[in-house]
């Protein structure tokens, strides 16, 4: 199977839940970028300022397509459970590791 990369950008309040999901799925390799700033069309600004105090984290995971599909499904469930927090999921093909 070909490898793909899942990119998840989510409100940092979901960090514990996201890490719990990674542990549950036995995904031990990932990169996380903390305090990512941005603006969501529905969730507004996440800038880490006194006016817009929220911040995001970004998760990068490279796995085979099947495992990433399962991770994506679980993250979508989390998105439905916490609709106000903001969670975006993207997958892209990986040319080389």
PDB file of N, CA and C in Angstrom:
ATOM      1  N   UNK A   1       0.829  -1.186   0.000  1.00  0.00           N
ATOM      2  CA  UNK A   1       0.000   0.000   0.000  1.00  0.00           C
ATOM      3  C   UNK A   1       0.869   1.242   0.000  1.00  0.00           C
ATOM      4  N   UNK A   2       0.370   2.263  -0.638  1.00  0.00           N
ATOM      5  CA  UNK A   2       1.108   3.516  -0.692  1.00  0.00           C
ATOM      6  C   UNK A   2       0.923   4.299   0.593  1.00  0.00           C
ATOM      7  N   UNK A   3       1.984   5.010   0.939  1.00  0.00           N
ATOM      8  CA  UNK A   3       1.899   5.874   2.111  1.00  0.00           C
ATOM      9  C   UNK A   3       1.223   7.180   1.749  1.00  0.00           C
ATOM     10  N   UNK A   4       0.531   7.717   2.729  1.00  0.00           N
ATOM     11  CA  UNK A   4      -0.105   9.023   2.609  1.00  0.00           C
ATOM     12  C   UNK A   4       0.209   9.789   3.882  1.00  0.00           C
ATOM     13  N   UNK A   5       0.031  11.101   3.819  1.00  0.00           N
ATOM     14  CA  UNK A   5       0.221  11.924   5.005  1.00  0.00           C
ATOM     15  C   UNK A   5      -1.099  12.562   5.382  1.00  0.00           C
ATOM     16  N   UNK A   6      -1.455  12.415   6.649  1.00  0.00           N
ATOM     17  CA  UNK A   6      -2.621  13.077   7.198  1.00  0.00           C
ATOM     18  C   UNK A   6      -2.127  14.330   7.917  1.00  0.00           C
ATOM     19  N   UNK A   7      -2.786  15.431   7.637  1.00  0.00           N
ATOM     20  CA  UNK A   7      -2.512  16.692   8.306  1.00  0.00           C
ATOM     21  C   UNK A   7      -3.788  17.075   9.039  1.00  0.00           C
ATOM     22  N   UNK A   8      -3.685  17.239  10.338  1.00  0.00           N
ATOM     23  CA  UNK A   8      -4.837  17.663  11.140  1.00  0.00           C
ATOM     24  C   UNK A   8      -4.480  18.970  11.832  1.00  0.00           C
ATOM     25  N   UNK A   9      -5.332  19.953  11.686  1.00  0.00           N
ATOM     26  CA  UNK A   9      -5.182  21.229  12.383  1.00  0.00           C
ATOM     27  C   UNK A   9      -6.360  21.339  13.330  1.00  0.00           C
ATOM     28  N   UNK A  10      -6.063  21.519  14.615  1.00  0.00           N
ATOM     29  CA  UNK A  10      -7.134  21.467  15.603  1.00  0.00           C
ATOM     30  C   UNK A  10      -6.845  22.410  16.762  1.00  0.00           C
ATOM     31  N   UNK A  11      -7.910  22.868  17.407  1.00  0.00           N
ATOM     32  CA  UNK A  11      -7.790  23.717  18.585  1.00  0.00           C
ATOM     33  C   UNK A  11      -6.987  22.965  19.641  1.00  0.00           C
ATOM     34  N   UNK A  12      -6.023  23.649  20.252  1.00  0.00           N
ATOM     35  CA  UNK A  12      -5.141  22.960  21.191  1.00  0.00           C
ATOM     36  C   UNK A  12      -5.863  22.385  22.411  1.00  0.00           C
ATOM     37  N   UNK A  13      -7.096  22.773  22.646  1.00  0.00           N
ATOM     38  CA  UNK A  13      -7.856  22.178  23.748  1.00  0.00           C
ATOM     39  C   UNK A  13      -8.145  20.694  23.480  1.00  0.00           C
ATOM     40  N   UNK A  14      -8.066  20.267  22.223  1.00  0.00           N
ATOM     41  CA  UNK A  14      -8.304  18.868  21.847  1.00  0.00           C
ATOM     42  C   UNK A  14      -7.042  18.016  21.907  1.00  0.00           C
ATOM     43  N   UNK A  15      -5.917  18.589  22.323  1.00  0.00           N
ATOM     44  CA  UNK A  15      -4.628  17.892  22.266  1.00  0.00           C
ATOM     45  C   UNK A  15      -4.642  16.558  23.024  1.00  0.00           C
ATOM     46  N   UNK A  16      -5.180  16.532  24.215  1.00  0.00           N
ATOM     47  CA  UNK A  16      -5.211  15.295  25.004  1.00  0.00           C
ATOM     48  C   UNK A  16      -6.049  14.228  24.299  1.00  0.00           C
ATOM     49  N   UNK A  17      -7.171  14.612  23.743  1.00  0.00           N
ATOM     50  CA  UNK A  17      -8.030  13.661  23.027  1.00  0.00           C
ATOM     51  C   UNK A  17      -7.335  13.130  21.775  1.00  0.00           C
ATOM     52  N   UNK A  18      -6.650  14.000  21.050  1.00  0.00           N
ATOM     53  CA  UNK A  18      -5.934  13.578  19.832  1.00  0.00           C
ATOM     54  C   UNK A  18      -4.810  12.609  20.193  1.00  0.00           C
ATOM     55  N   UNK A  19      -4.043  12.911  21.227  1.00  0.00           N
ATOM     56  CA  UNK A  19      -2.959  12.013  21.639  1.00  0.00           C
ATOM     57  C   UNK A  19      -3.496  10.686  22.164  1.00  0.00           C
ATOM     58  N   UNK A  20      -4.639  10.718  22.834  1.00  0.00           N
ATOM     59  CA  UNK A  20      -5.271   9.479  23.274  1.00  0.00           C
ATOM     60  C   UNK A  20      -5.665   8.611  22.094  1.00  0.00           C
ATOM     61  N   UNK A  21      -6.155   9.236  21.044  1.00  0.00           N
ATOM     62  CA  UNK A  21      -6.528   8.506  19.833  1.00  0.00           C
ATOM     63  C   UNK A  21      -5.292   7.886  19.174  1.00  0.00           C
ATOM     64  N   UNK A  22      -4.198   8.638  19.100  1.00  0.00           N
ATOM     65  CA  UNK A  22      -2.956   8.095  18.526  1.00  0.00           C
ATOM     66  C   UNK A  22      -2.473   6.890  19.325  1.00  0.00           C
ATOM     67  N   UNK A  23      -2.535   6.979  20.649  1.00  0.00           N
ATOM     68  CA  UNK A  23      -2.133   5.849  21.498  1.00  0.00           C
ATOM     69  C   UNK A  23      -3.039   4.649  21.263  1.00  0.00           C
ATOM     70  N   UNK A  24      -4.341   4.892  21.212  1.00  0.00           N
ATOM     71  CA  UNK A  24      -5.325   3.822  21.017  1.00  0.00           C
ATOM     72  C   UNK A  24      -5.098   3.100  19.690  1.00  0.00           C
ATOM     73  N   UNK A  25      -4.696   3.862  18.660  1.00  0.00           N
ATOM     74  CA  UNK A  25      -4.495   3.279  17.332  1.00  0.00           C
ATOM     75  C   UNK A  25      -3.068   2.790  17.116  1.00  0.00           C
ATOM     76  N   UNK A  26      -2.245   2.872  18.170  1.00  0.00           N
ATOM     77  CA  UNK A  26      -0.845   2.436  18.115  1.00  0.00           C
ATOM     78  C   UNK A  26      -0.065   3.164  17.011  1.00  0.00           C
ATOM     79  N   UNK A  27      -0.298   4.462  16.897  1.00  0.00           N
ATOM     80  CA  UNK A  27       0.462   5.295  15.969  1.00  0.00           C
ATOM     81  C   UNK A  27       1.545   5.986  16.794  1.00  0.00           C
ATOM     82  N   UNK A  28       2.765   5.508  16.639  1.00  0.00           N
ATOM     83  CA  UNK A  28       3.844   5.995  17.498  1.00  0.00           C
ATOM     84  C   UNK A  28       4.716   7.046  16.810  1.00  0.00           C
ATOM     85  N   UNK A  29       4.588   7.211  15.508  1.00  0.00           N
ATOM     86  CA  UNK A  29       5.396   8.182  14.791  1.00  0.00           C
ATOM     87  C   UNK A  29       4.547   9.302  14.222  1.00  0.00           C
ATOM     88  N   UNK A  30       4.848  10.520  14.622  1.00  0.00           N
ATOM     89  CA  UNK A  30       4.119  11.684  14.117  1.00  0.00           C
ATOM     90  C   UNK A  30       4.938  12.922  14.408  1.00  0.00           C
ATOM     91  N   UNK A  31       4.572  14.013  13.776  1.00  0.00           N
ATOM     92  CA  UNK A  31       5.146  15.317  14.072  1.00  0.00           C
ATOM     93  C   UNK A  31       4.013  16.225  14.504  1.00  0.00           C
ATOM     94  N   UNK A  32       4.256  16.985  15.560  1.00  0.00           N
ATOM     95  CA  UNK A  32       3.248  17.924  16.034  1.00  0.00           C
ATOM     96  C   UNK A  32       3.862  19.315  16.097  1.00  0.00           C
ATOM     97  N   UNK A  33       3.158  20.261  15.529  1.00  0.00           N
ATOM     98  CA  UNK A  33       3.543  21.665  15.616  1.00  0.00           C
ATOM     99  C   UNK A  33       2.564  22.328  16.561  1.00  0.00           C
ATOM    100  N   UNK A  34       3.075  22.993  17.575  1.00  0.00           N
ATOM    101  CA  UNK A  34       2.218  23.614  18.575  1.00  0.00           C
ATOM    102  C   UNK A  34       2.093  25.108  18.331  1.00  0.00           C
ATOM    103  N   UNK A  35       1.023  25.670  18.853  1.00  0.00           N
ATOM    104  CA  UNK A  35       0.752  27.097  18.789  1.00  0.00           C
ATOM    105  C   UNK A  35       0.727  27.635  17.353  1.00  0.00           C
ATOM    106  N   UNK A  36      -0.016  26.911  16.507  1.00  0.00           N
ATOM    107  CA  UNK A  36      -0.204  27.313  15.122  1.00  0.00           C
ATOM    108  C   UNK A  36      -1.327  28.345  15.072  1.00  0.00           C
ATOM    109  N   UNK A  37      -1.076  29.435  14.387  1.00  0.00           N
ATOM    110  CA  UNK A  37      -2.056  30.516  14.309  1.00  0.00           C
ATOM    111  C   UNK A  37      -2.826  30.437  12.999  1.00  0.00           C
ATOM    112  N   UNK A  38      -4.073  30.950  13.012  1.00  0.00           N
ATOM    113  CA  UNK A  38      -4.863  30.953  11.796  1.00  0.00           C
ATOM    114  C   UNK A  38      -6.267  31.450  12.053  1.00  0.00           C
ATOM    115  N   UNK A  39      -7.099  31.281  11.032  1.00  0.00           N
ATOM    116  CA  UNK A  39      -8.488  31.703  11.122  1.00  0.00           C
ATOM    117  C   UNK A  39      -9.350  30.671  10.424  1.00  0.00           C
ATOM    118  N   UNK A  40     -10.405  30.248  11.097  1.00  0.00           N
ATOM    119  CA  UNK A  40     -11.365  29.331  10.500  1.00  0.00           C
ATOM    120  C   UNK A  40     -12.608  30.098  10.089  1.00  0.00           C
ATOM    121  N   UNK A  41     -13.237  29.659   9.010  1.00  0.00           N
ATOM    122  CA  UNK A  41     -14.454  30.335   8.547  1.00  0.00           C
ATOM    123  C   UNK A  41     -15.564  30.269   9.594  1.00  0.00           C
ATOM    124  N   UNK A  42     -15.635  29.170  10.339  1.00  0.00           N
ATOM    125  CA  UNK A  42     -16.678  29.014  11.354  1.00  0.00           C
ATOM    126  C   UNK A  42     -16.164  29.263  12.770  1.00  0.00           C
ATOM    127  N   UNK A  43     -14.872  29.026  13.009  1.00  0.00           N
ATOM    128  CA  UNK A  43     -14.341  29.121  14.375  1.00  0.00           C
ATOM    129  C   UNK A  43     -13.614  30.436  14.642  1.00  0.00           C
ATOM    130  N   UNK A  44     -13.402  31.253  13.619  1.00  0.00           N
ATOM    131  CA  UNK A  44     -12.777  32.558  13.810  1.00  0.00           C
ATOM    132  C   UNK A  44     -11.275  32.489  13.995  1.00  0.00           C
ATOM    133  N   UNK A  45     -10.723  33.586  14.521  1.00  0.00           N
ATOM    134  CA  UNK A  45      -9.281  33.721  14.673  1.00  0.00           C
ATOM    135  C   UNK A  45      -8.745  32.886  15.827  1.00  0.00           C
ATOM    136  N   UNK A  46      -7.600  32.283  15.627  1.00  0.00           N
ATOM    137  CA  UNK A  46      -6.821  31.592  16.657  1.00  0.00           C
ATOM    138  C   UNK A  46      -5.421  32.194  16.581  1.00  0.00           C
ATOM    139  N   UNK A  47      -5.185  33.255  17.353  1.00  0.00           N
ATOM    140  CA  UNK A  47      -3.938  34.014  17.234  1.00  0.00           C
ATOM    141  C   UNK A  47      -3.111  34.055  18.512  1.00  0.00           C
ATOM    142  N   UNK A  48      -3.622  33.533  19.616  1.00  0.00           N
ATOM    143  CA  UNK A  48      -2.868  33.547  20.852  1.00  0.00           C
ATOM    144  C   UNK A  48      -2.687  34.935  21.446  1.00  0.00           C
ATOM    145  N   UNK A  49      -3.598  35.838  21.144  1.00  0.00           N
ATOM    146  CA  UNK A  49      -3.521  37.194  21.683  1.00  0.00           C
ATOM    147  C   UNK A  49      -4.615  37.382  22.737  1.00  0.00           C
ATOM    148  N   UNK A  50      -4.610  38.533  23.390  1.00  0.00           N
ATOM    149  CA  UNK A  50      -5.648  38.776  24.394  1.00  0.00           C
ATOM    150  C   UNK A  50      -7.032  38.911  23.761  1.00  0.00           C
ATOM    151  N   UNK A  51      -7.075  39.375  22.536  1.00  0.00           N
ATOM    152  CA  UNK A  51      -8.355  39.515  21.834  1.00  0.00           C
ATOM    153  C   UNK A  51      -8.807  38.171  21.249  1.00  0.00           C
ATOM    154  N   UNK A  52      -7.873  37.424  20.664  1.00  0.00           N
ATOM    155  CA  UNK A  52      -8.148  36.110  20.075  1.00  0.00           C
ATOM    156  C   UNK A  52      -7.224  35.085  20.731  1.00  0.00           C
ATOM    157  N   UNK A  53      -7.559  34.596  21.937  1.00  0.00           N
ATOM    158  CA  UNK A  53      -6.612  33.800  22.720  1.00  0.00           C
ATOM    159  C   UNK A  53      -6.388  32.358  22.257  1.00  0.00           C
ATOM    160  N   UNK A  54      -7.290  31.794  21.486  1.00  0.00           N
ATOM    161  CA  UNK A  54      -7.131  30.391  21.079  1.00  0.00           C
ATOM    162  C   UNK A  54      -5.917  30.208  20.181  1.00  0.00           C
ATOM    163  N   UNK A  55      -5.352  29.000  20.236  1.00  0.00           N
ATOM    164  CA  UNK A  55      -4.283  28.577  19.337  1.00  0.00           C
ATOM    165  C   UNK A  55      -4.599  27.180  18.830  1.00  0.00           C
ATOM    166  N   UNK A  56      -4.014  26.819  17.719  1.00  0.00           N
ATOM    167  CA  UNK A  56      -4.174  25.494  17.144  1.00  0.00           C
ATOM    168  C   UNK A  56      -2.898  24.690  17.309  1.00  0.00           C
ATOM    169  N   UNK A  57      -3.008  23.397  17.133  1.00  0.00           N
ATOM    170  CA  UNK A  57      -1.869  22.506  16.953  1.00  0.00           C
ATOM    171  C   UNK A  57      -2.037  21.851  15.593  1.00  0.00           C
ATOM    172  N   UNK A  58      -0.931  21.405  15.024  1.00  0.00           N
ATOM    173  CA  UNK A  58      -0.963  20.727  13.733  1.00  0.00           C
ATOM    174  C   UNK A  58      -0.266  19.377  13.888  1.00  0.00           C
ATOM    175  N   UNK A  59      -0.916  18.342  13.409  1.00  0.00           N
ATOM    176  CA  UNK A  59      -0.405  16.984  13.496  1.00  0.00           C
ATOM    177  C   UNK A  59      -0.109  16.483  12.085  1.00  0.00           C
ATOM    178  N   UNK A  60       1.062  15.885  11.893  1.00  0.00           N
ATOM    179  CA  UNK A  60       1.454  15.286  10.620  1.00  0.00           C
ATOM    180  C   UNK A  60       1.744  13.809  10.869  1.00  0.00           C
ATOM    181  N   UNK A  61       1.040  12.937  10.164  1.00  0.00           N
ATOM    182  CA  UNK A  61       1.208  11.496  10.338  1.00  0.00           C
ATOM    183  C   UNK A  61       1.364  10.856   8.960  1.00  0.00           C
ATOM    184  N   UNK A  62       2.424  10.070   8.782  1.00  0.00           N
ATOM    185  CA  UNK A  62       2.604   9.305   7.544  1.00  0.00           C
ATOM    186  C   UNK A  62       2.410   7.834   7.868  1.00  0.00           C
ATOM    187  N   UNK A  63       1.450   7.225   7.197  1.00  0.00           N
ATOM    188  CA  UNK A  63       1.123   5.806   7.382  1.00  0.00           C
ATOM    189  C   UNK A  63       0.591   5.270   6.064  1.00  0.00           C
ATOM    190  N   UNK A  64       0.313   3.963   6.036  1.00  0.00           N
ATOM    191  CA  UNK A  64      -0.327   3.412   4.845  1.00  0.00           C
ATOM    192  C   UNK A  64      -1.764   3.921   4.770  1.00  0.00           C
ATOM    193  N   UNK A  65      -2.320   3.876   3.582  1.00  0.00           N
ATOM    194  CA  UNK A  65      -3.650   4.445   3.329  1.00  0.00           C
ATOM    195  C   UNK A  65      -4.733   3.861   4.224  1.00  0.00           C
ATOM    196  N   UNK A  66      -4.657   2.571   4.505  1.00  0.00           N
ATOM    197  CA  UNK A  66      -5.686   1.923   5.320  1.00  0.00           C
ATOM    198  C   UNK A  66      -5.692   2.475   6.747  1.00  0.00           C
ATOM    199  N   UNK A  67      -4.517   2.553   7.361  1.00  0.00           N
ATOM    200  CA  UNK A  67      -4.438   3.043   8.737  1.00  0.00           C
ATOM    201  C   UNK A  67      -4.825   4.518   8.809  1.00  0.00           C
ATOM    202  N   UNK A  68      -4.413   5.293   7.799  1.00  0.00           N
ATOM    203  CA  UNK A  68      -4.792   6.711   7.789  1.00  0.00           C
ATOM    204  C   UNK A  68      -6.286   6.872   7.602  1.00  0.00           C
ATOM    205  N   UNK A  69      -6.905   5.990   6.847  1.00  0.00           N
ATOM    206  CA  UNK A  69      -8.358   6.038   6.675  1.00  0.00           C
ATOM    207  C   UNK A  69      -9.074   5.851   8.006  1.00  0.00           C
ATOM    208  N   UNK A  70      -8.585   4.911   8.806  1.00  0.00           N
ATOM    209  CA  UNK A  70      -9.172   4.679  10.126  1.00  0.00           C
ATOM    210  C   UNK A  70      -8.953   5.885  11.044  1.00  0.00           C
ATOM    211  N   UNK A  71      -7.748   6.455  11.007  1.00  0.00           N
ATOM    212  CA  UNK A  71      -7.459   7.639  11.815  1.00  0.00           C
ATOM    213  C   UNK A  71      -8.351   8.797  11.394  1.00  0.00           C
ATOM    214  N   UNK A  72      -8.503   8.999  10.101  1.00  0.00           N
ATOM    215  CA  UNK A  72      -9.354  10.071   9.591  1.00  0.00           C
ATOM    216  C   UNK A  72     -10.799   9.900  10.053  1.00  0.00           C
ATOM    217  N   UNK A  73     -11.302   8.674  10.011  1.00  0.00           N
ATOM    218  CA  UNK A  73     -12.666   8.389  10.462  1.00  0.00           C
ATOM    219  C   UNK A  73     -12.837   8.751  11.931  1.00  0.00           C
ATOM    220  N   UNK A  74     -11.863   8.378  12.758  1.00  0.00           N
ATOM    221  CA  UNK A  74     -11.943   8.679  14.189  1.00  0.00           C
ATOM    222  C   UNK A  74     -11.844  10.180  14.456  1.00  0.00           C
ATOM    223  N   UNK A  75     -11.009  10.887  13.687  1.00  0.00           N
ATOM    224  CA  UNK A  75     -10.902  12.338  13.856  1.00  0.00           C
ATOM    225  C   UNK A  75     -12.195  13.031  13.429  1.00  0.00           C
ATOM    226  N   UNK A  76     -12.855  12.505  12.401  1.00  0.00           N
ATOM    227  CA  UNK A  76     -14.142  13.077  11.981  1.00  0.00           C
ATOM    228  C   UNK A  76     -15.196  12.902  13.067  1.00  0.00           C
ATOM    229  N   UNK A  77     -15.158  11.761  13.771  1.00  0.00           N
ATOM    230  CA  UNK A  77     -16.070  11.565  14.905  1.00  0.00           C
ATOM    231  C   UNK A  77     -15.786  12.591  15.999  1.00  0.00           C
ATOM    232  N   UNK A  78     -14.498  12.851  16.234  1.00  0.00           N
ATOM    233  CA  UNK A  78     -14.113  13.843  17.233  1.00  0.00           C
ATOM    234  C   UNK A  78     -14.589  15.233  16.820  1.00  0.00           C
ATOM    235  N   UNK A  79     -14.503  15.513  15.535  1.00  0.00           N
ATOM    236  CA  UNK A  79     -14.965  16.804  15.021  1.00  0.00           C
ATOM    237  C   UNK A  79     -16.463  16.979  15.274  1.00  0.00           C
ATOM    238  N   UNK A  80     -17.237  15.913  15.093  1.00  0.00           N
ATOM    239  CA  UNK A  80     -18.678  15.962  15.361  1.00  0.00           C
ATOM    240  C   UNK A  80     -18.963  16.118  16.852  1.00  0.00           C
ATOM    241  N   UNK A  81     -18.116  15.510  17.679  1.00  0.00           N
ATOM    242  CA  UNK A  81     -18.308  15.573  19.124  1.00  0.00           C
ATOM    243  C   UNK A  81     -17.988  16.969  19.682  1.00  0.00           C
ATOM    244  N   UNK A  82     -17.026  17.659  19.051  1.00  0.00           N
ATOM    245  CA  UNK A  82     -16.599  18.987  19.508  1.00  0.00           C
ATOM    246  C   UNK A  82     -16.693  19.994  18.358  1.00  0.00           C
ATOM    247  N   UNK A  83     -17.893  20.287  17.854  1.00  0.00           N
ATOM    248  CA  UNK A  83     -18.025  21.120  16.651  1.00  0.00           C
ATOM    249  C   UNK A  83     -17.565  22.565  16.834  1.00  0.00           C
ATOM    250  N   UNK A  84     -17.555  23.061  18.044  1.00  0.00           N
ATOM    251  CA  UNK A  84     -17.174  24.457  18.278  1.00  0.00           C
ATOM    252  C   UNK A  84     -15.663  24.662  18.348  1.00  0.00           C
ATOM    253  N   UNK A  85     -14.891  23.599  18.469  1.00  0.00           N
ATOM    254  CA  UNK A  85     -13.450  23.731  18.709  1.00  0.00           C
ATOM    255  C   UNK A  85     -12.617  23.885  17.440  1.00  0.00           C
ATOM    256  N   UNK A  86     -13.077  23.408  16.339  1.00  0.00           N
ATOM    257  CA  UNK A  86     -12.312  23.504  15.102  1.00  0.00           C
ATOM    258  C   UNK A  86     -11.370  22.326  14.928  1.00  0.00           C
ATOM    259  N   UNK A  87     -11.542  21.601  13.848  1.00  0.00           N
ATOM    260  CA  UNK A  87     -10.688  20.465  13.511  1.00  0.00           C
ATOM    261  C   UNK A  87     -10.792  20.261  12.007  1.00  0.00           C
ATOM    262  N   UNK A  88      -9.688  20.436  11.316  1.00  0.00           N
ATOM    263  CA  UNK A  88      -9.635  20.223   9.865  1.00  0.00           C
ATOM    264  C   UNK A  88      -8.690  19.075   9.579  1.00  0.00           C
ATOM    265  N   UNK A  89      -9.054  18.238   8.607  1.00  0.00           N
ATOM    266  CA  UNK A  89      -8.277  17.050   8.270  1.00  0.00           C
ATOM    267  C   UNK A  89      -7.993  17.062   6.767  1.00  0.00           C
ATOM    268  N   UNK A  90      -6.732  16.840   6.418  1.00  0.00           N
ATOM    269  CA  UNK A  90      -6.314  16.786   5.019  1.00  0.00           C
ATOM    270  C   UNK A  90      -5.450  15.535   4.843  1.00  0.00           C
ATOM    271  N   UNK A  91      -5.543  14.886   3.687  1.00  0.00           N
ATOM    272  CA  UNK A  91      -4.610  13.806   3.366  1.00  0.00           C
ATOM    273  C   UNK A  91      -4.002  14.085   1.999  1.00  0.00           C
ATOM    274  N   UNK A  92      -2.718  13.780   1.907  1.00  0.00           N
ATOM    275  CA  UNK A  92      -1.983  14.017   0.659  1.00  0.00           C
ATOM    276  C   UNK A  92      -1.088  12.811   0.382  1.00  0.00           C
ATOM    277  N   UNK A  93      -0.799  12.534  -0.890  1.00  0.00           N
ATOM    278  CA  UNK A  93       0.112  11.425  -1.203  1.00  0.00           C
ATOM    279  C   UNK A  93       1.542  11.790  -0.805  1.00  0.00           C
ATOM    280  N   UNK A  94       2.314  10.762  -0.463  1.00  0.00           N
ATOM    281  CA  UNK A  94       3.724  10.934  -0.110  1.00  0.00           C
ATOM    282  C   UNK A  94       4.557  10.341  -1.227  1.00  0.00           C
ATOM    283  N   UNK A  95       5.381  11.154  -1.840  1.00  0.00           N
ATOM    284  CA  UNK A  95       6.222  10.706  -2.954  1.00  0.00           C
ATOM    285  C   UNK A  95       7.444   9.933  -2.453  1.00  0.00           C
ATOM    286  N   UNK A  96       8.015  10.397  -1.345  1.00  0.00           N
ATOM    287  CA  UNK A  96       9.264   9.801  -0.868  1.00  0.00           C
ATOM    288  C   UNK A  96       9.358   9.975   0.637  1.00  0.00           C
ATOM    289  N   UNK A  97       9.939   8.975   1.291  1.00  0.00           N
ATOM    290  CA  UNK A  97      10.165   9.066   2.734  1.00  0.00           C
ATOM    291  C   UNK A  97      11.663   9.024   2.962  1.00  0.00           C
TER     292      UNK A  97
END
